[in-house]
């Protein structure tokens, strides 16, 4: 577990997706630790860190075990719960856990970008199911293990459609209601399961794919989610579900 503090902003342009943090702690594959301002280049799977001697070091994912960051600048285009606190989930919390005596963590009314976010390196096929090639990439840790819920962010283009005005004019331009009048860049979350061996399982349909992976206890997991009104598509709630699944399958992985 790393402890650090910082601030960040997202740069969105072209095919790249970069986030900047004013402080981070990076654990290298050699076991060494670096601290300082860092930029996370998601598309390139690299970090660039400013060192105390005013030099900049480039760290590809193959050279990084994990890193922690905090203080990302609030992005108003994202719903505020994106900046939720996953600390309890990373410790293994789930509803009904008799070993967890603290109050149930609640959503924060305001976004708190000072919360620590933890990233780990896993090997994956970059979404190409027809390729056996596995390259290292950065994944955000949302739950405890041994099977860990992971999140990746990527840029997507979403359409802007016209809406009819009082005289038939579109709200975003002229034309028939529902017509695509442009596009905007958004950030899409994708979920994965991180396996102890360092590979990942994509959760393209989180409920279906998660229950398929935990096949032997799938009915209990599904009932647990239903009893606690937990969604398989909400990052926070899915982390609870994965922790519960781990508790049922302790020692079986």
C-alpha atoms as a PDB file:
ATOM      1  CA  UNK A   1       0.000   0.000   0.000  1.00  0.00           C
ATOM      2  CA  UNK A   2       1.363   3.402  -0.948  1.00  0.00           C
ATOM      3  CA  UNK A   3       0.697   6.737   0.719  1.00  0.00           C
ATOM      4  CA  UNK A   4       1.028   9.896  -1.336  1.00  0.00           C
ATOM      5  CA  UNK A   5      -0.697  13.139  -2.284  1.00  0.00           C
ATOM      6  CA  UNK A   6      -1.177  15.021  -5.564  1.00  0.00           C
ATOM      7  CA  UNK A   7      -3.339  16.743  -8.236  1.00  0.00           C
ATOM      8  CA  UNK A   8      -4.138  15.974 -11.869  1.00  0.00           C
ATOM      9  CA  UNK A   9      -5.842  16.827 -15.091  1.00  0.00           C
ATOM     10  CA  UNK A  10      -6.764  14.878 -18.196  1.00  0.00           C
ATOM     11  CA  UNK A  11      -5.536  15.849 -21.608  1.00  0.00           C
ATOM     12  CA  UNK A  12      -7.805  14.577 -24.359  1.00  0.00           C
ATOM     13  CA  UNK A  13      -6.788  14.878 -27.939  1.00  0.00           C
ATOM     14  CA  UNK A  14      -6.195  12.674 -30.937  1.00  0.00           C
ATOM     15  CA  UNK A  15      -5.687   9.051 -29.993  1.00  0.00           C
ATOM     16  CA  UNK A  16      -3.843   9.794 -26.739  1.00  0.00           C
ATOM     17  CA  UNK A  17      -5.166   9.902 -23.202  1.00  0.00           C
ATOM     18  CA  UNK A  18      -2.845  11.414 -20.606  1.00  0.00           C
ATOM     19  CA  UNK A  19      -3.369  12.258 -16.950  1.00  0.00           C
ATOM     20  CA  UNK A  20      -0.983  14.303 -14.830  1.00  0.00           C
ATOM     21  CA  UNK A  21      -0.455  13.995 -11.070  1.00  0.00           C
ATOM     22  CA  UNK A  22       1.721  16.263  -8.995  1.00  0.00           C
ATOM     23  CA  UNK A  23       2.859  13.431  -6.727  1.00  0.00           C
ATOM     24  CA  UNK A  24       2.961   9.658  -6.986  1.00  0.00           C
ATOM     25  CA  UNK A  25       4.763   6.623  -5.567  1.00  0.00           C
ATOM     26  CA  UNK A  26       5.965   4.078  -8.128  1.00  0.00           C
ATOM     27  CA  UNK A  27       7.224   0.580  -7.288  1.00  0.00           C
ATOM     28  CA  UNK A  28       9.550  -0.610 -10.049  1.00  0.00           C
ATOM     29  CA  UNK A  29      10.004  -4.216 -11.170  1.00  0.00           C
ATOM     30  CA  UNK A  30      13.485  -4.069  -9.592  1.00  0.00           C
ATOM     31  CA  UNK A  31      11.964  -3.377  -6.179  1.00  0.00           C
ATOM     32  CA  UNK A  32      13.111   0.249  -6.137  1.00  0.00           C
ATOM     33  CA  UNK A  33      10.659   3.041  -5.338  1.00  0.00           C
ATOM     34  CA  UNK A  34      10.380   6.470  -6.963  1.00  0.00           C
ATOM     35  CA  UNK A  35       8.281   9.428  -5.819  1.00  0.00           C
ATOM     36  CA  UNK A  36       7.430  12.678  -7.544  1.00  0.00           C
ATOM     37  CA  UNK A  37       5.157  14.243 -10.158  1.00  0.00           C
ATOM     38  CA  UNK A  38       4.063  11.784 -12.837  1.00  0.00           C
ATOM     39  CA  UNK A  39       2.161  11.699 -16.105  1.00  0.00           C
ATOM     40  CA  UNK A  40       0.191   8.566 -16.982  1.00  0.00           C
ATOM     41  CA  UNK A  41       0.067   7.962 -20.734  1.00  0.00           C
ATOM     42  CA  UNK A  42      -2.715   5.428 -20.978  1.00  0.00           C
ATOM     43  CA  UNK A  43      -2.558   4.694 -24.684  1.00  0.00           C
ATOM     44  CA  UNK A  44       1.220   4.201 -24.623  1.00  0.00           C
ATOM     45  CA  UNK A  45       1.200   2.289 -21.279  1.00  0.00           C
ATOM     46  CA  UNK A  46       4.014   4.457 -19.890  1.00  0.00           C
ATOM     47  CA  UNK A  47       4.704   6.848 -17.042  1.00  0.00           C
ATOM     48  CA  UNK A  48       6.913   9.913 -17.216  1.00  0.00           C
ATOM     49  CA  UNK A  49       8.191  11.035 -13.832  1.00  0.00           C
ATOM     50  CA  UNK A  50       9.947  14.275 -12.888  1.00  0.00           C
ATOM     51  CA  UNK A  51      12.809  13.498 -10.504  1.00  0.00           C
ATOM     52  CA  UNK A  52      14.313  15.761  -7.792  1.00  0.00           C
ATOM     53  CA  UNK A  53      17.356  16.475  -9.986  1.00  0.00           C
ATOM     54  CA  UNK A  54      15.019  18.038 -12.592  1.00  0.00           C
ATOM     55  CA  UNK A  55      15.419  15.142 -15.007  1.00  0.00           C
ATOM     56  CA  UNK A  56      12.469  13.245 -16.484  1.00  0.00           C
ATOM     57  CA  UNK A  57      12.399   9.453 -16.515  1.00  0.00           C
ATOM     58  CA  UNK A  58      10.207   7.381 -18.841  1.00  0.00           C
ATOM     59  CA  UNK A  59       8.830   4.208 -17.248  1.00  0.00           C
ATOM     60  CA  UNK A  60       7.135   1.684 -19.559  1.00  0.00           C
ATOM     61  CA  UNK A  61       4.694  -0.744 -17.959  1.00  0.00           C
ATOM     62  CA  UNK A  62       7.201  -3.600 -18.230  1.00  0.00           C
ATOM     63  CA  UNK A  63       9.400  -1.742 -15.698  1.00  0.00           C
ATOM     64  CA  UNK A  64       6.603  -1.006 -13.197  1.00  0.00           C
ATOM     65  CA  UNK A  65       4.993  -3.333 -10.643  1.00  0.00           C
ATOM     66  CA  UNK A  66       2.473  -0.849  -9.266  1.00  0.00           C
ATOM     67  CA  UNK A  67       1.962   2.802  -8.429  1.00  0.00           C
ATOM     68  CA  UNK A  68      -0.336   5.001  -6.358  1.00  0.00           C
ATOM     69  CA  UNK A  69      -1.620   8.481  -7.170  1.00  0.00           C
ATOM     70  CA  UNK A  70      -4.143  10.942  -5.757  1.00  0.00           C
ATOM     71  CA  UNK A  71      -5.503  14.446  -6.255  1.00  0.00           C
ATOM     72  CA  UNK A  72      -6.812  14.313  -9.806  1.00  0.00           C
ATOM     73  CA  UNK A  73      -8.443  17.613 -10.792  1.00  0.00           C
ATOM     74  CA  UNK A  74     -12.204  17.276 -10.745  1.00  0.00           C
ATOM     75  CA  UNK A  75     -13.494  16.622 -14.237  1.00  0.00           C
ATOM     76  CA  UNK A  76     -17.014  18.037 -14.441  1.00  0.00           C
ATOM     77  CA  UNK A  77     -17.784  15.905 -17.481  1.00  0.00           C
ATOM     78  CA  UNK A  78     -17.677  12.809 -15.259  1.00  0.00           C
ATOM     79  CA  UNK A  79     -20.306  11.866 -12.741  1.00  0.00           C
ATOM     80  CA  UNK A  80     -19.012  12.651  -9.260  1.00  0.00           C
ATOM     81  CA  UNK A  81     -19.145   9.067  -7.979  1.00  0.00           C
ATOM     82  CA  UNK A  82     -16.260   8.269 -10.333  1.00  0.00           C
ATOM     83  CA  UNK A  83     -14.057   9.777  -7.598  1.00  0.00           C
ATOM     84  CA  UNK A  84     -15.279   7.253  -5.038  1.00  0.00           C
ATOM     85  CA  UNK A  85     -13.169   5.776  -2.252  1.00  0.00           C
ATOM     86  CA  UNK A  86     -12.117   2.195  -2.973  1.00  0.00           C
ATOM     87  CA  UNK A  87      -9.857   1.888   0.096  1.00  0.00           C
ATOM     88  CA  UNK A  88     -12.235  -0.395   2.015  1.00  0.00           C
ATOM     89  CA  UNK A  89     -12.829  -2.557  -1.050  1.00  0.00           C
ATOM     90  CA  UNK A  90      -9.071  -2.909  -1.629  1.00  0.00           C
ATOM     91  CA  UNK A  91      -8.886  -4.221   1.955  1.00  0.00           C
ATOM     92  CA  UNK A  92     -11.457  -6.927   1.217  1.00  0.00           C
ATOM     93  CA  UNK A  93     -14.651  -5.327   2.512  1.00  0.00           C
ATOM     94  CA  UNK A  94     -18.041  -6.697   1.482  1.00  0.00           C
ATOM     95  CA  UNK A  95     -21.504  -6.397   2.965  1.00  0.00           C
ATOM     96  CA  UNK A  96     -22.010  -8.948   5.717  1.00  0.00           C
ATOM     97  CA  UNK A  97     -18.306  -9.613   6.365  1.00  0.00           C
ATOM     98  CA  UNK A  98     -18.163 -10.397  10.138  1.00  0.00           C
ATOM     99  CA  UNK A  99     -14.472  -9.450  10.244  1.00  0.00           C
ATOM    100  CA  UNK A 100     -15.167  -5.920   9.022  1.00  0.00           C
ATOM    101  CA  UNK A 101     -16.599  -3.911  11.918  1.00  0.00           C
ATOM    102  CA  UNK A 102     -16.411  -0.361  10.545  1.00  0.00           C
ATOM    103  CA  UNK A 103     -19.629   1.319   9.319  1.00  0.00           C
ATOM    104  CA  UNK A 104     -20.644   0.597   5.751  1.00  0.00           C
ATOM    105  CA  UNK A 105     -18.737   3.063   3.521  1.00  0.00           C
ATOM    106  CA  UNK A 106     -21.122   5.591   2.001  1.00  0.00           C
ATOM    107  CA  UNK A 107     -20.828   7.561  -1.181  1.00  0.00           C
ATOM    108  CA  UNK A 108     -19.419  11.037  -0.713  1.00  0.00           C
ATOM    109  CA  UNK A 109     -21.738  13.947  -1.434  1.00  0.00           C
ATOM    110  CA  UNK A 110     -18.884  15.835  -3.082  1.00  0.00           C
ATOM    111  CA  UNK A 111     -16.087  14.473  -5.262  1.00  0.00           C
ATOM    112  CA  UNK A 112     -12.856  13.980  -3.313  1.00  0.00           C
ATOM    113  CA  UNK A 113      -9.946  13.900  -5.724  1.00  0.00           C
ATOM    114  CA  UNK A 114      -7.438  13.529  -2.874  1.00  0.00           C
ATOM    115  CA  UNK A 115      -8.389   9.867  -2.549  1.00  0.00           C
ATOM    116  CA  UNK A 116      -5.598   7.371  -3.265  1.00  0.00           C
ATOM    117  CA  UNK A 117      -5.880   5.394  -6.492  1.00  0.00           C
ATOM    118  CA  UNK A 118      -3.762   2.271  -6.939  1.00  0.00           C
ATOM    119  CA  UNK A 119      -2.642   0.845 -10.299  1.00  0.00           C
ATOM    120  CA  UNK A 120      -0.984  -2.497 -11.014  1.00  0.00           C
ATOM    121  CA  UNK A 121       0.645  -3.989 -14.075  1.00  0.00           C
ATOM    122  CA  UNK A 122      -0.891  -7.045 -15.757  1.00  0.00           C
ATOM    123  CA  UNK A 123      -0.296  -8.715 -19.102  1.00  0.00           C
ATOM    124  CA  UNK A 124      -3.197  -8.659 -21.572  1.00  0.00           C
ATOM    125  CA  UNK A 125      -3.996  -9.012 -25.263  1.00  0.00           C
ATOM    126  CA  UNK A 126      -5.128  -5.367 -25.573  1.00  0.00           C
ATOM    127  CA  UNK A 127      -8.662  -6.513 -26.248  1.00  0.00           C
ATOM    128  CA  UNK A 128      -7.707  -8.709 -29.216  1.00  0.00           C
ATOM    129  CA  UNK A 129      -9.229 -12.104 -28.442  1.00  0.00           C
ATOM    130  CA  UNK A 130      -7.613 -13.625 -31.513  1.00  0.00           C
ATOM    131  CA  UNK A 131      -4.079 -12.839 -30.384  1.00  0.00           C
ATOM    132  CA  UNK A 132      -1.901 -14.919 -28.081  1.00  0.00           C
ATOM    133  CA  UNK A 133       0.451 -11.971 -27.555  1.00  0.00           C
ATOM    134  CA  UNK A 134       0.266 -10.527 -24.044  1.00  0.00           C
ATOM    135  CA  UNK A 135       1.777  -7.119 -23.322  1.00  0.00           C
ATOM    136  CA  UNK A 136       2.016  -5.359 -19.933  1.00  0.00           C
ATOM    137  CA  UNK A 137      -0.533  -2.640 -19.225  1.00  0.00           C
ATOM    138  CA  UNK A 138      -1.750  -0.498 -16.323  1.00  0.00           C
ATOM    139  CA  UNK A 139      -4.980  -1.434 -14.530  1.00  0.00           C
ATOM    140  CA  UNK A 140      -6.588   0.341 -11.576  1.00  0.00           C
ATOM    141  CA  UNK A 141      -7.216  -1.885  -8.545  1.00  0.00           C
ATOM    142  CA  UNK A 142     -10.769  -1.601  -7.188  1.00  0.00           C
ATOM    143  CA  UNK A 143     -11.041  -4.644  -4.890  1.00  0.00           C
ATOM    144  CA  UNK A 144      -8.975  -7.042  -2.836  1.00  0.00           C
ATOM    145  CA  UNK A 145      -7.769 -10.451  -4.049  1.00  0.00           C
ATOM    146  CA  UNK A 146      -6.740 -13.043  -4.856  1.00  0.00           C
ATOM    147  CA  UNK A 147      -9.006 -12.333  -7.840  1.00  0.00           C
ATOM    148  CA  UNK A 148      -8.921  -8.534  -8.190  1.00  0.00           C
ATOM    149  CA  UNK A 149     -11.475  -6.273  -9.858  1.00  0.00           C
ATOM    150  CA  UNK A 150      -9.601  -3.989 -12.250  1.00  0.00           C
ATOM    151  CA  UNK A 151     -10.615  -0.944 -14.251  1.00  0.00           C
ATOM    152  CA  UNK A 152      -9.194   0.589 -17.416  1.00  0.00           C
ATOM    153  CA  UNK A 153     -10.198   3.881 -18.965  1.00  0.00           C
ATOM    154  CA  UNK A 154     -10.240   4.640 -22.666  1.00  0.00           C
ATOM    155  CA  UNK A 155     -11.428   7.402 -24.957  1.00  0.00           C
ATOM    156  CA  UNK A 156     -14.580   6.892 -27.028  1.00  0.00           C
ATOM    157  CA  UNK A 157     -16.469   9.086 -29.468  1.00  0.00           C
ATOM    158  CA  UNK A 158     -20.141   9.564 -28.578  1.00  0.00           C
ATOM    159  CA  UNK A 159     -22.747  11.171 -30.861  1.00  0.00           C
ATOM    160  CA  UNK A 160     -24.609  14.418 -30.148  1.00  0.00           C
ATOM    161  CA  UNK A 161     -28.160  14.284 -31.505  1.00  0.00           C
ATOM    162  CA  UNK A 162     -30.507  17.138 -32.338  1.00  0.00           C
ATOM    163  CA  UNK A 163     -33.688  17.712 -30.364  1.00  0.00           C
ATOM    164  CA  UNK A 164     -36.803  19.417 -31.658  1.00  0.00           C
ATOM    165  CA  UNK A 165     -37.355  23.059 -30.633  1.00  0.00           C
ATOM    166  CA  UNK A 166     -40.712  24.843 -30.436  1.00  0.00           C
ATOM    167  CA  UNK A 167     -40.622  25.587 -34.183  1.00  0.00           C
ATOM    168  CA  UNK A 168     -39.171  22.280 -35.278  1.00  0.00           C
ATOM    169  CA  UNK A 169     -35.554  23.398 -35.060  1.00  0.00           C
ATOM    170  CA  UNK A 170     -33.076  21.028 -33.488  1.00  0.00           C
ATOM    171  CA  UNK A 171     -31.709  21.863 -30.069  1.00  0.00           C
ATOM    172  CA  UNK A 172     -28.160  21.353 -31.380  1.00  0.00           C
ATOM    173  CA  UNK A 173     -28.778  22.403 -34.968  1.00  0.00           C
ATOM    174  CA  UNK A 174     -31.371  22.250 -37.678  1.00  0.00           C
ATOM    175  CA  UNK A 175     -32.918  19.029 -38.840  1.00  0.00           C
ATOM    176  CA  UNK A 176     -35.090  16.193 -37.642  1.00  0.00           C
ATOM    177  CA  UNK A 177     -35.029  15.259 -33.934  1.00  0.00           C
ATOM    178  CA  UNK A 178     -32.589  12.461 -33.193  1.00  0.00           C
ATOM    179  CA  UNK A 179     -30.278  13.320 -36.061  1.00  0.00           C
ATOM    180  CA  UNK A 180     -26.556  13.060 -35.279  1.00  0.00           C
ATOM    181  CA  UNK A 181     -25.096  16.559 -35.498  1.00  0.00           C
ATOM    182  CA  UNK A 182     -21.650  15.933 -34.074  1.00  0.00           C
ATOM    183  CA  UNK A 183     -19.505  13.916 -31.689  1.00  0.00           C
ATOM    184  CA  UNK A 184     -17.743  14.474 -28.376  1.00  0.00           C
ATOM    185  CA  UNK A 185     -14.933  12.612 -26.642  1.00  0.00           C
ATOM    186  CA  UNK A 186     -15.822  10.737 -23.475  1.00  0.00           C
ATOM    187  CA  UNK A 187     -14.031   8.344 -21.141  1.00  0.00           C
ATOM    188  CA  UNK A 188     -15.304   4.775 -20.983  1.00  0.00           C
ATOM    189  CA  UNK A 189     -14.614   2.380 -18.127  1.00  0.00           C
ATOM    190  CA  UNK A 190     -13.885  -1.280 -18.849  1.00  0.00           C
ATOM    191  CA  UNK A 191     -13.701  -3.942 -16.133  1.00  0.00           C
ATOM    192  CA  UNK A 192     -11.417  -6.954 -15.791  1.00  0.00           C
ATOM    193  CA  UNK A 193     -10.519  -9.643 -13.289  1.00  0.00           C
ATOM    194  CA  UNK A 194      -6.834  -9.709 -12.388  1.00  0.00           C
ATOM    195  CA  UNK A 195      -5.586 -13.260 -11.818  1.00  0.00           C
ATOM    196  CA  UNK A 196      -2.763 -14.265  -9.438  1.00  0.00           C
ATOM    197  CA  UNK A 197      -0.561 -15.305 -12.374  1.00  0.00           C
ATOM    198  CA  UNK A 198      -0.548 -11.771 -13.786  1.00  0.00           C
ATOM    199  CA  UNK A 199      -3.098 -12.184 -16.599  1.00  0.00           C
ATOM    200  CA  UNK A 200      -6.598 -10.697 -16.859  1.00  0.00           C
ATOM    201  CA  UNK A 201     -10.113 -11.801 -17.797  1.00  0.00           C
ATOM    202  CA  UNK A 202     -12.220  -9.165 -19.567  1.00  0.00           C
ATOM    203  CA  UNK A 203     -15.687  -8.490 -18.140  1.00  0.00           C
ATOM    204  CA  UNK A 204     -17.396  -7.269 -21.292  1.00  0.00           C
ATOM    205  CA  UNK A 205     -20.734  -8.265 -19.768  1.00  0.00           C
ATOM    206  CA  UNK A 206     -19.830  -7.903 -16.082  1.00  0.00           C
ATOM    207  CA  UNK A 207     -22.648 -10.003 -14.655  1.00  0.00           C
ATOM    208  CA  UNK A 208     -22.500 -12.803 -17.206  1.00  0.00           C
ATOM    209  CA  UNK A 209     -18.703 -13.001 -17.341  1.00  0.00           C
ATOM    210  CA  UNK A 210     -18.190 -12.714 -13.578  1.00  0.00           C
ATOM    211  CA  UNK A 211     -20.692 -15.456 -12.812  1.00  0.00           C
ATOM    212  CA  UNK A 212     -19.110 -17.621 -15.508  1.00  0.00           C
ATOM    213  CA  UNK A 213     -15.685 -17.228 -13.938  1.00  0.00           C
ATOM    214  CA  UNK A 214     -16.981 -18.081 -10.436  1.00  0.00           C
ATOM    215  CA  UNK A 215     -19.132 -20.827 -11.865  1.00  0.00           C
ATOM    216  CA  UNK A 216     -19.193 -23.070  -8.770  1.00  0.00           C
ATOM    217  CA  UNK A 217     -20.585 -20.335  -6.522  1.00  0.00           C
ATOM    218  CA  UNK A 218     -22.435 -18.280  -9.128  1.00  0.00           C
ATOM    219  CA  UNK A 219     -25.880 -18.807  -7.587  1.00  0.00           C
ATOM    220  CA  UNK A 220     -24.745 -17.602  -4.169  1.00  0.00           C
ATOM    221  CA  UNK A 221     -23.011 -14.583  -5.725  1.00  0.00           C
ATOM    222  CA  UNK A 222     -26.072 -13.648  -7.748  1.00  0.00           C
ATOM    223  CA  UNK A 223     -28.319 -14.007  -4.682  1.00  0.00           C
ATOM    224  CA  UNK A 224     -25.918 -11.899  -2.618  1.00  0.00           C
ATOM    225  CA  UNK A 225     -26.055  -9.109  -5.199  1.00  0.00           C
ATOM    226  CA  UNK A 226     -29.848  -9.311  -5.301  1.00  0.00           C
ATOM    227  CA  UNK A 227     -30.259  -9.295  -1.504  1.00  0.00           C
ATOM    228  CA  UNK A 228     -28.009  -6.234  -1.158  1.00  0.00           C
ATOM    229  CA  UNK A 229     -29.320  -4.446  -4.263  1.00  0.00           C
ATOM    230  CA  UNK A 230     -25.862  -4.338  -5.847  1.00  0.00           C
ATOM    231  CA  UNK A 231     -25.326  -3.622  -9.532  1.00  0.00           C
ATOM    232  CA  UNK A 232     -22.831  -5.565 -11.655  1.00  0.00           C
ATOM    233  CA  UNK A 233     -22.192  -2.454 -13.770  1.00  0.00           C
ATOM    234  CA  UNK A 234     -21.397   0.025 -10.962  1.00  0.00           C
ATOM    235  CA  UNK A 235     -17.660   0.044 -10.139  1.00  0.00           C
ATOM    236  CA  UNK A 236     -18.162   0.483  -6.393  1.00  0.00           C
ATOM    237  CA  UNK A 237     -20.825  -2.184  -6.081  1.00  0.00           C
ATOM    238  CA  UNK A 238     -19.060  -4.615  -8.389  1.00  0.00           C
ATOM    239  CA  UNK A 239     -16.011  -4.373  -6.091  1.00  0.00           C
ATOM    240  CA  UNK A 240     -18.184  -5.552  -3.179  1.00  0.00           C
ATOM    241  CA  UNK A 241     -19.433  -8.453  -5.280  1.00  0.00           C
ATOM    242  CA  UNK A 242     -15.913  -9.535  -6.270  1.00  0.00           C
ATOM    243  CA  UNK A 243     -14.770  -9.453  -2.646  1.00  0.00           C
ATOM    244  CA  UNK A 244     -17.725 -11.604  -1.662  1.00  0.00           C
ATOM    245  CA  UNK A 245     -16.927 -14.024  -4.475  1.00  0.00           C
ATOM    246  CA  UNK A 246     -13.360 -14.265  -3.185  1.00  0.00           C
ATOM    247  CA  UNK A 247     -14.642 -15.067   0.318  1.00  0.00           C
ATOM    248  CA  UNK A 248     -16.648 -17.997  -1.072  1.00  0.00           C
ATOM    249  CA  UNK A 249     -13.754 -19.281  -3.092  1.00  0.00           C
ATOM    250  CA  UNK A 250     -10.977 -18.801  -0.521  1.00  0.00           C
ATOM    251  CA  UNK A 251      -8.303 -21.414  -1.066  1.00  0.00           C
ATOM    252  CA  UNK A 252      -9.748 -22.609  -4.379  1.00  0.00           C
ATOM    253  CA  UNK A 253      -7.781 -20.334  -6.737  1.00  0.00           C
END
